[in-house]
């Protein structure tokens, strides 16, 4: 994953967290809020794993996958 994709994951994840907090207020759909929050956490995990994989791959040209 490139840096732009990682940043997009972070941005969307933050937006989902904010929206889930807004939905979790009384008189709103708490099931949707829980799902949105879970999706945001999953996106954060994917972003974190991607960053870890990029560090393991090392710089381009030194045995990395060339992405």
Protein backbone atom coordinates (compact mmCIF):
# COMPACT_ATOMS: atom_id res chain seq x y z
CA UNK A 1 0.00 0.00 0.00
CA UNK A 2 1.30 3.42 -0.81
CA UNK A 3 1.33 6.41 1.54
CA UNK A 4 -1.69 8.03 -0.14
CA UNK A 5 -3.84 4.93 0.42
CA UNK A 6 -2.72 4.74 4.04
CA UNK A 7 -3.66 8.39 4.57
CA UNK A 8 -7.07 7.81 2.95
CA UNK A 9 -7.70 4.87 5.30
CA UNK A 10 -6.84 7.06 8.27
CA UNK A 11 -9.10 9.89 7.09
CA UNK A 12 -12.09 7.64 6.40
CA UNK A 13 -11.57 5.83 9.69
CA UNK A 14 -11.65 9.11 11.61
CA UNK A 15 -14.80 10.16 9.74
CA UNK A 16 -16.48 6.84 10.59
CA UNK A 17 -15.57 7.21 14.25
CA UNK A 18 -17.04 10.72 14.32
CA UNK A 19 -20.23 9.62 12.56
CA UNK A 20 -20.63 6.60 14.84
CA UNK A 21 -20.35 8.87 17.88
CA UNK A 22 -23.06 11.11 16.43
CA UNK A 23 -25.32 8.12 15.76
CA UNK A 24 -24.80 6.67 19.22
CA UNK A 25 -26.70 9.56 20.79
CA UNK A 26 -30.15 8.79 22.25
CA UNK A 27 -32.95 8.29 19.73
CA UNK A 28 -30.60 7.17 16.96
CA UNK A 29 -29.74 3.80 15.43
CA UNK A 30 -27.17 2.29 17.79
CA UNK A 31 -26.73 -0.84 15.64
CA UNK A 32 -25.49 1.26 12.74
CA UNK A 33 -23.20 3.20 15.09
CA UNK A 34 -21.66 -0.04 16.37
CA UNK A 35 -21.11 -1.32 12.82
CA UNK A 36 -19.53 1.95 11.73
CA UNK A 37 -17.25 1.94 14.75
CA UNK A 38 -16.20 -1.67 14.06
CA UNK A 39 -15.47 -0.80 10.44
CA UNK A 40 -13.37 2.18 11.52
CA UNK A 41 -11.35 -0.01 13.90
CA UNK A 42 -10.83 -2.57 11.12
CA UNK A 43 -9.60 0.16 8.77
CA UNK A 44 -7.16 1.36 11.43
CA UNK A 45 -5.84 -2.19 11.79
CA UNK A 46 -5.38 -2.53 8.01
CA UNK A 47 -3.53 0.80 7.92
CA UNK A 48 -1.30 -0.24 10.80
CA UNK A 49 -0.53 -3.62 9.22
CA UNK A 50 0.26 -1.91 5.93
CA UNK A 51 2.72 0.42 7.63
CA UNK A 52 4.37 -2.56 9.33
CA UNK A 53 4.62 -4.42 6.01
CA UNK A 54 6.15 -1.37 4.33
CA UNK A 55 8.81 -1.25 7.05
CA UNK A 56 9.55 -4.97 6.66
CA UNK A 57 9.88 -4.61 2.88
CA UNK A 58 12.52 -1.94 3.25
CA UNK A 59 13.49 0.60 0.62
CA UNK A 60 12.87 -0.12 -3.04
CA UNK A 61 15.58 -1.99 -4.84
CA UNK A 62 16.95 -3.77 -1.77
CA UNK A 63 14.97 -6.98 -2.00
CA UNK A 64 11.62 -5.27 -1.61
CA UNK A 65 8.61 -6.24 -3.68
CA UNK A 66 9.06 -3.12 -5.80
CA UNK A 67 5.65 -1.65 -5.09
